[in-house]
N, C-alpha and C. Protein backbone atom coordinates (compact mmCIF):
# COMPACT_ATOMS: atom_id res chain seq x y z
N MET A 1 52.02 -22.40 -41.40
CA MET A 1 52.07 -21.18 -40.79
C MET A 1 50.80 -22.40 -39.56
N ALA A 2 51.48 -22.07 -38.41
CA ALA A 2 49.63 -23.12 -37.81
C ALA A 2 49.17 -22.04 -36.80
N LYS A 3 47.93 -21.98 -36.64
CA LYS A 3 47.30 -20.62 -35.54
C LYS A 3 47.08 -21.88 -34.33
N ALA A 4 47.70 -20.73 -33.37
CA ALA A 4 48.05 -21.45 -31.84
C ALA A 4 46.99 -20.06 -30.96
N TYR A 5 46.22 -20.81 -29.99
CA TYR A 5 45.03 -19.46 -29.37
C TYR A 5 46.19 -20.27 -28.42
N ILE A 6 46.67 -19.12 -27.36
CA ILE A 6 47.12 -18.93 -26.19
C ILE A 6 46.11 -18.00 -24.78
N GLY A 7 46.13 -18.93 -23.61
CA GLY A 7 45.42 -18.28 -22.49
C GLY A 7 46.35 -17.47 -21.62
N LEU A 8 46.18 -16.27 -21.31
CA LEU A 8 47.00 -15.35 -20.75
C LEU A 8 46.76 -14.93 -19.25
N GLY A 9 47.94 -15.32 -18.45
CA GLY A 9 46.66 -14.96 -17.06
C GLY A 9 48.02 -14.43 -16.10
N ALA A 10 47.64 -13.71 -15.31
CA ALA A 10 48.64 -13.19 -13.94
C ALA A 10 47.80 -12.57 -13.02
N ASN A 11 48.48 -12.82 -12.21
CA ASN A 11 47.62 -12.06 -10.61
C ASN A 11 49.10 -11.84 -9.41
N LEU A 12 49.85 -11.53 -9.80
CA LEU A 12 50.98 -10.85 -9.39
C LEU A 12 52.02 -10.47 -9.77
N GLY A 13 52.08 -8.71 -9.30
CA GLY A 13 52.95 -8.08 -9.72
C GLY A 13 52.28 -7.33 -10.51
N ASN A 14 52.82 -5.99 -11.25
CA ASN A 14 52.34 -6.19 -12.43
C ASN A 14 51.83 -6.81 -13.68
N ARG A 15 50.21 -7.36 -12.83
CA ARG A 15 50.28 -7.86 -13.96
C ARG A 15 49.83 -7.79 -15.68
N GLU A 16 49.25 -6.55 -15.60
CA GLU A 16 49.37 -6.20 -17.13
C GLU A 16 50.45 -6.05 -17.37
N GLY A 17 51.66 -5.64 -17.17
CA GLY A 17 53.40 -5.32 -17.55
C GLY A 17 53.36 -6.55 -17.74
N ASN A 18 53.35 -8.30 -17.04
CA ASN A 18 53.23 -8.92 -17.42
C ASN A 18 52.91 -9.54 -18.64
N ILE A 19 52.02 -9.61 -19.23
CA ILE A 19 51.34 -9.82 -19.96
C ILE A 19 52.15 -9.38 -20.62
N ARG A 20 51.79 -8.44 -21.08
CA ARG A 20 52.56 -7.37 -22.27
C ARG A 20 53.85 -8.29 -22.88
N GLY A 21 54.73 -7.77 -21.40
CA GLY A 21 55.68 -8.47 -21.28
C GLY A 21 56.13 -9.56 -22.09
N ALA A 22 55.21 -10.27 -21.72
CA ALA A 22 55.31 -11.88 -22.18
C ALA A 22 54.52 -12.45 -23.94
N LEU A 23 53.65 -11.32 -24.64
CA LEU A 23 53.41 -10.94 -25.87
C LEU A 23 54.58 -10.75 -26.47
N ALA A 24 55.61 -9.78 -26.10
CA ALA A 24 56.72 -8.86 -26.71
C ALA A 24 57.38 -10.21 -26.86
N MET A 25 58.36 -10.79 -25.65
CA MET A 25 59.07 -11.64 -25.79
C MET A 25 58.68 -12.84 -26.59
N LEU A 26 57.76 -13.03 -27.51
CA LEU A 26 56.93 -14.38 -27.99
C LEU A 26 56.92 -13.42 -29.66
N VAL A 27 57.36 -12.35 -29.78
CA VAL A 27 57.71 -12.21 -31.02
C VAL A 27 59.50 -12.05 -30.82
N ASP A 28 59.71 -11.61 -30.07
CA ASP A 28 60.99 -10.89 -29.57
C ASP A 28 61.98 -12.26 -29.94
N LEU A 29 61.78 -13.91 -29.51
CA LEU A 29 62.36 -14.59 -29.11
C LEU A 29 62.39 -15.47 -30.74
N GLU A 30 61.55 -14.96 -31.32
CA GLU A 30 60.82 -15.20 -32.93
C GLU A 30 60.02 -16.70 -33.05
N VAL A 31 59.51 -16.48 -31.74
CA VAL A 31 58.13 -18.10 -30.99
C VAL A 31 56.56 -17.56 -32.67
N GLY A 32 56.46 -16.49 -33.09
CA GLY A 32 56.38 -15.96 -34.10
C GLY A 32 54.75 -14.87 -33.91
N ARG A 33 54.27 -14.79 -34.70
CA ARG A 33 53.44 -13.28 -35.22
C ARG A 33 52.29 -13.13 -34.24
N VAL A 34 52.64 -12.00 -33.24
CA VAL A 34 50.91 -11.79 -32.55
C VAL A 34 49.88 -11.28 -33.36
N PRO A 35 49.40 -11.46 -34.03
CA PRO A 35 47.92 -10.60 -34.52
C PRO A 35 46.76 -9.95 -33.67
N ARG A 36 46.64 -10.73 -33.11
CA ARG A 36 44.82 -10.50 -32.30
C ARG A 36 45.26 -10.89 -30.27
N VAL A 37 45.01 -10.21 -30.58
CA VAL A 37 45.10 -10.31 -28.51
C VAL A 37 43.84 -9.71 -28.07
N SER A 38 43.02 -10.12 -26.99
CA SER A 38 41.65 -9.87 -26.50
C SER A 38 42.47 -8.57 -25.51
N ARG A 39 41.26 -7.90 -25.35
CA ARG A 39 41.24 -6.83 -23.75
C ARG A 39 41.47 -7.83 -22.59
N LEU A 40 42.37 -7.36 -22.05
CA LEU A 40 42.44 -7.85 -20.64
C LEU A 40 41.38 -7.83 -19.68
N VAL A 41 41.02 -8.53 -18.98
CA VAL A 41 39.96 -8.70 -17.74
C VAL A 41 40.08 -9.55 -17.01
N GLU A 42 39.75 -9.00 -15.57
CA GLU A 42 39.90 -9.55 -14.32
C GLU A 42 39.02 -10.38 -13.96
N PHE A 43 39.49 -10.77 -13.38
CA PHE A 43 38.58 -12.37 -12.66
C PHE A 43 39.46 -13.16 -11.73
N GLU A 44 37.84 -13.16 -10.83
CA GLU A 44 38.42 -14.23 -9.03
C GLU A 44 39.35 -15.40 -9.92
N PRO A 45 39.81 -15.72 -9.04
CA PRO A 45 40.94 -17.41 -9.49
C PRO A 45 40.01 -18.01 -8.81
N VAL A 46 39.62 -19.17 -9.51
CA VAL A 46 38.84 -20.25 -10.04
C VAL A 46 39.68 -21.65 -9.51
N GLY A 47 39.36 -21.78 -8.53
CA GLY A 47 40.25 -23.08 -7.49
C GLY A 47 41.90 -22.75 -6.90
N GLY A 48 42.68 -23.35 -6.24
CA GLY A 48 43.74 -22.92 -5.97
C GLY A 48 43.70 -22.53 -4.64
N PRO A 49 44.63 -22.21 -3.70
CA PRO A 49 44.59 -21.72 -2.40
C PRO A 49 43.73 -20.01 -2.24
N PRO A 50 42.88 -20.56 -1.40
CA PRO A 50 42.48 -19.36 -1.24
C PRO A 50 42.77 -17.72 -0.70
N GLY A 51 42.17 -16.51 -0.94
CA GLY A 51 43.00 -15.24 -0.06
C GLY A 51 44.18 -14.72 -1.72
N GLN A 52 43.91 -14.98 -2.38
CA GLN A 52 44.69 -15.48 -3.90
C GLN A 52 44.38 -13.58 -4.39
N PRO A 53 44.64 -12.80 -5.33
CA PRO A 53 44.25 -11.65 -5.60
C PRO A 53 43.88 -12.20 -6.76
N LYS A 54 42.90 -10.79 -7.29
CA LYS A 54 41.91 -11.53 -9.00
C LYS A 54 43.01 -11.55 -10.07
N TYR A 55 42.78 -12.55 -11.26
CA TYR A 55 43.72 -12.64 -12.44
C TYR A 55 42.90 -11.55 -13.21
N LEU A 56 44.11 -11.20 -14.18
CA LEU A 56 43.97 -10.05 -15.67
C LEU A 56 43.68 -11.75 -16.77
N ASN A 57 42.49 -11.79 -16.83
CA ASN A 57 43.29 -12.50 -17.78
C ASN A 57 42.72 -12.18 -19.67
N GLY A 58 43.60 -13.05 -20.69
CA GLY A 58 43.13 -12.38 -21.73
C GLY A 58 43.69 -13.40 -22.70
N ALA A 59 43.19 -13.47 -24.15
CA ALA A 59 43.95 -14.60 -24.93
C ALA A 59 44.69 -13.44 -25.92
N ALA A 60 45.62 -14.95 -26.97
CA ALA A 60 46.02 -14.24 -28.04
C ALA A 60 46.26 -15.53 -29.28
N LEU A 61 46.50 -14.97 -30.20
CA LEU A 61 46.24 -15.72 -31.70
C LEU A 61 48.05 -15.69 -31.91
N VAL A 62 48.82 -16.54 -31.67
CA VAL A 62 50.32 -17.18 -32.41
C VAL A 62 50.21 -17.33 -33.37
N GLU A 63 50.45 -16.79 -34.42
CA GLU A 63 50.89 -17.95 -36.12
C GLU A 63 52.65 -17.91 -35.80
N THR A 64 52.72 -19.27 -35.80
CA THR A 64 54.17 -20.12 -35.59
C THR A 64 54.20 -21.02 -36.79
N GLU A 65 55.67 -21.38 -36.86
CA GLU A 65 56.04 -22.49 -37.25
C GLU A 65 56.52 -23.35 -36.32
N LEU A 66 56.25 -23.63 -35.18
CA LEU A 66 56.37 -24.09 -34.22
C LEU A 66 55.67 -25.67 -34.02
N SER A 67 56.36 -26.46 -33.61
CA SER A 67 55.21 -27.79 -32.92
C SER A 67 54.65 -27.04 -32.54
N PRO A 68 53.44 -27.64 -31.33
CA PRO A 68 53.47 -28.09 -30.32
C PRO A 68 54.18 -28.25 -29.36
N PHE A 69 54.87 -28.95 -29.34
CA PHE A 69 55.53 -29.15 -28.10
C PHE A 69 56.88 -28.40 -28.24
N ASP A 70 57.55 -27.46 -29.20
CA ASP A 70 58.15 -26.41 -29.20
C ASP A 70 57.70 -24.96 -28.20
N LEU A 71 56.90 -25.21 -29.31
CA LEU A 71 55.85 -23.24 -28.45
C LEU A 71 55.96 -23.78 -27.04
N LEU A 72 55.29 -24.98 -26.44
CA LEU A 72 54.87 -25.51 -25.44
C LEU A 72 56.51 -24.47 -24.53
N GLU A 73 57.09 -25.65 -24.59
CA GLU A 73 58.93 -24.86 -24.49
C GLU A 73 59.25 -23.06 -24.17
N ALA A 74 58.94 -22.53 -25.32
CA ALA A 74 59.11 -21.43 -25.84
C ALA A 74 58.08 -20.91 -24.95
N LEU A 75 56.78 -21.07 -24.33
CA LEU A 75 55.72 -20.28 -23.47
C LEU A 75 56.44 -20.96 -22.18
N LYS A 76 56.98 -22.04 -21.21
CA LYS A 76 57.72 -22.39 -19.96
C LYS A 76 58.87 -20.67 -20.61
N ILE A 77 59.47 -20.73 -21.48
CA ILE A 77 61.02 -19.92 -21.15
C ILE A 77 60.48 -18.61 -20.71
N VAL A 78 59.39 -18.14 -21.29
CA VAL A 78 58.51 -16.75 -21.39
C VAL A 78 58.15 -16.72 -20.01
N GLU A 79 57.86 -17.51 -19.46
CA GLU A 79 57.06 -17.53 -18.51
C GLU A 79 58.07 -17.34 -16.69
N SER A 80 59.75 -17.77 -17.39
CA SER A 80 60.90 -17.92 -16.59
C SER A 80 61.12 -16.59 -16.74
N GLU A 81 61.30 -16.35 -18.09
CA GLU A 81 61.67 -14.54 -17.67
C GLU A 81 61.63 -13.16 -17.70
N VAL A 82 59.42 -13.49 -17.58
CA VAL A 82 58.95 -13.01 -17.20
C VAL A 82 59.19 -12.98 -15.41
N GLY A 83 59.58 -13.98 -14.80
CA GLY A 83 59.53 -13.45 -13.31
C GLY A 83 58.78 -15.01 -12.67
N ARG A 84 57.91 -15.78 -13.25
CA ARG A 84 57.41 -16.64 -12.68
C ARG A 84 58.20 -17.94 -12.10
N ILE A 85 57.42 -18.06 -11.02
CA ILE A 85 58.05 -18.63 -9.99
C ILE A 85 57.17 -19.94 -9.94
N GLU A 86 57.69 -21.58 -9.68
CA GLU A 86 56.76 -22.38 -9.14
C GLU A 86 56.20 -22.24 -7.62
N ARG A 87 54.65 -22.75 -7.58
CA ARG A 87 54.19 -22.75 -7.05
C ARG A 87 53.31 -24.43 -6.66
N GLU A 88 52.73 -24.54 -5.59
CA GLU A 88 51.60 -25.43 -5.95
C GLU A 88 51.22 -25.26 -6.86
N ARG A 89 50.05 -26.37 -7.74
CA ARG A 89 49.19 -26.44 -8.10
C ARG A 89 47.95 -24.82 -8.18
N TRP A 90 47.50 -24.47 -9.27
CA TRP A 90 46.75 -23.45 -9.15
C TRP A 90 46.51 -22.81 -8.06
N ALA A 91 48.06 -22.12 -7.71
CA ALA A 91 48.64 -20.83 -7.20
C ALA A 91 48.72 -19.23 -7.90
N ALA A 92 48.92 -18.59 -6.93
CA ALA A 92 49.00 -17.71 -7.50
C ALA A 92 50.28 -17.50 -8.30
N ARG A 93 50.02 -16.64 -9.45
CA ARG A 93 50.90 -16.39 -10.32
C ARG A 93 51.65 -15.61 -10.80
N GLU A 94 52.79 -15.16 -12.11
CA GLU A 94 53.35 -13.84 -12.13
C GLU A 94 52.64 -13.84 -13.57
N ILE A 95 52.85 -15.10 -13.79
CA ILE A 95 52.33 -15.00 -15.94
C ILE A 95 51.86 -16.85 -15.65
N ASP A 96 51.06 -16.72 -16.42
CA ASP A 96 50.67 -17.83 -16.79
C ASP A 96 50.19 -18.44 -18.58
N LEU A 97 51.00 -18.74 -19.15
CA LEU A 97 50.85 -18.89 -20.64
C LEU A 97 50.36 -20.03 -20.71
N ASP A 98 48.65 -20.35 -21.54
CA ASP A 98 48.65 -21.98 -21.66
C ASP A 98 48.25 -22.11 -23.50
N ILE A 99 48.34 -22.92 -23.97
CA ILE A 99 48.07 -23.51 -25.05
C ILE A 99 46.76 -24.20 -25.04
N LEU A 100 45.82 -22.80 -25.75
CA LEU A 100 44.13 -23.26 -25.91
C LEU A 100 44.06 -24.26 -26.92
N LEU A 101 44.70 -23.82 -27.71
CA LEU A 101 44.20 -24.82 -29.08
C LEU A 101 45.28 -24.40 -30.05
N TYR A 102 45.74 -25.38 -30.73
CA TYR A 102 46.30 -25.19 -32.11
C TYR A 102 45.35 -26.25 -33.26
N ASP A 103 45.86 -25.18 -34.38
CA ASP A 103 45.12 -25.49 -35.04
C ASP A 103 43.64 -26.38 -34.77
N ASP A 104 43.76 -27.44 -35.36
CA ASP A 104 42.66 -28.48 -34.67
C ASP A 104 43.03 -29.61 -34.15
N LEU A 105 44.47 -29.53 -34.00
CA LEU A 105 45.28 -30.72 -33.20
C LEU A 105 43.79 -31.06 -31.96
N VAL A 106 43.95 -32.57 -32.22
CA VAL A 106 43.61 -33.02 -30.69
C VAL A 106 44.86 -33.99 -30.40
N LEU A 107 45.40 -33.81 -29.05
CA LEU A 107 46.61 -34.08 -28.15
C LEU A 107 46.22 -34.50 -27.22
N ASP A 108 46.80 -35.66 -26.35
CA ASP A 108 46.27 -35.94 -24.99
C ASP A 108 47.35 -36.91 -24.76
N ILE A 109 48.19 -36.77 -24.44
CA ILE A 109 49.60 -37.12 -23.40
C ILE A 109 49.93 -36.27 -22.17
N PRO A 110 50.92 -37.32 -21.54
CA PRO A 110 51.30 -36.11 -20.26
C PRO A 110 51.90 -35.46 -20.07
N LEU A 111 52.85 -35.28 -21.29
CA LEU A 111 53.48 -33.72 -20.73
C LEU A 111 52.52 -31.99 -21.86
N LEU A 112 51.56 -33.01 -22.79
CA LEU A 112 50.91 -31.96 -23.42
C LEU A 112 48.94 -32.60 -24.08
N VAL A 113 48.09 -31.27 -23.24
CA VAL A 113 46.54 -31.58 -23.77
C VAL A 113 45.94 -30.85 -24.16
N ILE A 114 45.41 -30.90 -25.69
CA ILE A 114 45.22 -30.11 -26.58
C ILE A 114 44.05 -30.50 -27.12
N PRO A 115 43.05 -30.02 -27.21
CA PRO A 115 42.56 -28.80 -26.63
C PRO A 115 42.78 -28.49 -25.48
N HIS A 116 42.78 -27.35 -24.39
CA HIS A 116 42.73 -26.99 -23.06
C HIS A 116 42.04 -27.81 -22.51
N PRO A 117 42.10 -28.90 -21.70
CA PRO A 117 40.95 -29.64 -21.22
C PRO A 117 39.86 -29.06 -20.04
N ARG A 118 40.43 -28.25 -20.19
CA ARG A 118 39.18 -27.13 -18.97
C ARG A 118 38.71 -26.05 -19.31
N MET A 119 39.26 -25.36 -20.70
CA MET A 119 38.89 -24.40 -20.59
C MET A 119 37.15 -24.46 -21.76
N CYS A 120 36.80 -25.24 -21.30
CA CYS A 120 35.02 -24.90 -22.02
C CYS A 120 34.24 -25.11 -20.94
N GLU A 121 35.01 -24.98 -19.51
CA GLU A 121 34.79 -24.87 -18.41
C GLU A 121 34.68 -23.10 -17.73
N ARG A 122 35.66 -22.60 -18.20
CA ARG A 122 35.96 -21.20 -17.63
C ARG A 122 35.95 -20.19 -18.56
N GLU A 123 34.64 -18.52 -17.62
CA GLU A 123 34.78 -17.89 -18.29
C GLU A 123 36.09 -16.97 -18.76
N PHE A 124 36.56 -17.30 -17.77
CA PHE A 124 38.12 -16.21 -17.87
C PHE A 124 39.41 -16.52 -19.25
N VAL A 125 38.73 -18.02 -19.65
CA VAL A 125 39.34 -17.96 -20.88
C VAL A 125 38.26 -17.79 -21.90
N LEU A 126 36.99 -18.25 -21.88
CA LEU A 126 36.02 -18.15 -23.08
C LEU A 126 35.73 -16.46 -23.99
N ARG A 127 35.20 -15.83 -22.21
CA ARG A 127 35.35 -14.52 -22.71
C ARG A 127 36.17 -13.64 -23.71
N PRO A 128 37.30 -14.18 -23.34
CA PRO A 128 39.01 -13.32 -23.79
C PRO A 128 38.93 -14.26 -25.08
N LEU A 129 38.41 -14.98 -25.20
CA LEU A 129 38.95 -16.77 -26.57
C LEU A 129 37.31 -15.97 -26.96
N SER A 130 36.71 -15.48 -27.31
CA SER A 130 35.26 -15.90 -28.11
C SER A 130 35.78 -13.50 -28.80
N GLU A 131 35.91 -13.33 -28.03
CA GLU A 131 36.81 -11.69 -28.71
C GLU A 131 37.77 -12.23 -30.15
N ILE A 132 38.46 -13.14 -29.72
CA ILE A 132 39.43 -12.49 -30.96
C ILE A 132 39.28 -13.92 -31.80
N ALA A 133 38.69 -15.32 -30.75
CA ALA A 133 38.06 -15.83 -31.97
C ALA A 133 36.66 -16.88 -32.20
N PRO A 134 35.43 -16.05 -32.50
CA PRO A 134 34.08 -16.69 -31.82
C PRO A 134 33.89 -17.68 -32.88
N ASP A 135 34.47 -17.86 -34.09
CA ASP A 135 34.15 -18.77 -35.42
C ASP A 135 35.07 -20.29 -35.60
N VAL A 136 36.27 -19.87 -34.19
CA VAL A 136 36.95 -21.11 -34.65
C VAL A 136 36.67 -22.21 -33.30
N VAL A 137 36.44 -23.75 -34.29
CA VAL A 137 35.43 -24.44 -33.88
C VAL A 137 36.49 -25.10 -33.42
N HIS A 138 35.50 -26.00 -32.03
CA HIS A 138 36.63 -26.46 -30.58
C HIS A 138 36.50 -27.76 -31.89
N PRO A 139 38.08 -28.61 -31.71
CA PRO A 139 37.82 -29.61 -32.82
C PRO A 139 37.71 -31.14 -32.24
N VAL A 140 37.24 -31.10 -30.24
CA VAL A 140 36.36 -32.21 -29.75
C VAL A 140 35.22 -31.88 -29.61
N ALA A 141 35.03 -30.22 -28.59
CA ALA A 141 33.39 -30.00 -28.78
C ALA A 141 32.35 -30.20 -30.16
N GLY A 142 33.22 -29.59 -31.31
CA GLY A 142 32.50 -29.55 -31.85
C GLY A 142 32.01 -27.75 -33.14
N LYS A 143 31.94 -27.64 -31.35
CA LYS A 143 30.98 -26.32 -31.79
C LYS A 143 32.37 -25.01 -31.37
N THR A 144 31.61 -23.69 -32.02
CA THR A 144 32.48 -22.64 -32.05
C THR A 144 32.53 -22.07 -31.00
N ILE A 145 33.58 -21.15 -30.72
CA ILE A 145 34.32 -20.85 -29.50
C ILE A 145 33.05 -20.35 -28.68
N ARG A 146 32.15 -19.25 -29.57
CA ARG A 146 31.18 -18.04 -29.61
C ARG A 146 30.21 -18.58 -28.54
N GLU A 147 29.55 -19.92 -29.71
CA GLU A 147 28.79 -20.90 -28.95
C GLU A 147 29.05 -21.69 -27.62
N ILE A 148 30.32 -22.27 -27.23
CA ILE A 148 30.71 -22.88 -26.18
C ILE A 148 30.29 -22.00 -24.96
N TYR A 149 30.53 -20.42 -25.18
CA TYR A 149 30.55 -19.40 -24.53
C TYR A 149 29.57 -18.93 -23.94
N ALA A 150 28.14 -19.27 -24.84
CA ALA A 150 26.62 -18.88 -24.98
C ALA A 150 26.09 -20.10 -23.66
N ASP A 151 26.77 -20.82 -24.04
CA ASP A 151 26.22 -21.93 -23.54
C ASP A 151 26.80 -22.43 -22.06
N LEU A 152 27.77 -21.97 -21.75
CA LEU A 152 28.56 -21.42 -20.25
C LEU A 152 27.57 -20.42 -20.08
N ARG A 153 27.64 -19.67 -20.63
CA ARG A 153 26.63 -18.01 -19.60
C ARG A 153 25.33 -18.62 -19.55
N ALA A 154 24.24 -19.53 -20.20
CA ALA A 154 23.47 -20.02 -20.07
C ALA A 154 23.32 -20.80 -18.77
N GLY A 155 24.37 -21.34 -18.72
CA GLY A 155 24.16 -22.40 -17.16
C GLY A 155 24.47 -23.88 -18.21
N ARG A 156 24.33 -23.93 -19.63
CA ARG A 156 24.61 -25.41 -20.41
C ARG A 156 25.72 -25.96 -19.72
N ARG A 157 25.81 -27.10 -19.37
CA ARG A 157 26.91 -27.28 -19.40
C ARG A 157 28.09 -28.37 -20.46
N PRO A 158 29.50 -27.65 -20.43
CA PRO A 158 30.24 -28.01 -21.50
C PRO A 158 30.27 -29.23 -22.05
N THR A 159 30.27 -29.62 -23.25
CA THR A 159 30.42 -31.10 -23.88
C THR A 159 32.10 -31.43 -23.98
């Protein structure tokens, strides 16, 4: 069984309800077990069109037998079921589910990049992830999530 860490975010509609509903759907669709979920924390939007509402962000551990590609497909189905409407890149969204880490896999193809390429630069990813996976080692940076988050908070450039 693989351990996948998923970034959770929403800034439209019932943000918490959308995230909680997405997590329930992951279990209902037999994507896997969700044994750990961080607290949900509010953050200002990063990038994208101006004037967006604040995001509610979190992270979850999903224990799954799905391949990374099947997991990605399942996440897209859940996003659609929750009501996500495709808009321009980094625009406001009803739900956003991203694969942050998948075991110690390093993958870089047009369809999917794991670890998530910008996770080490984003507090809205690292803060919740460090709550549920502080000792998990980033397979490219070679540091724990706790260390990467400490570097980001100290203003040190991510690796």
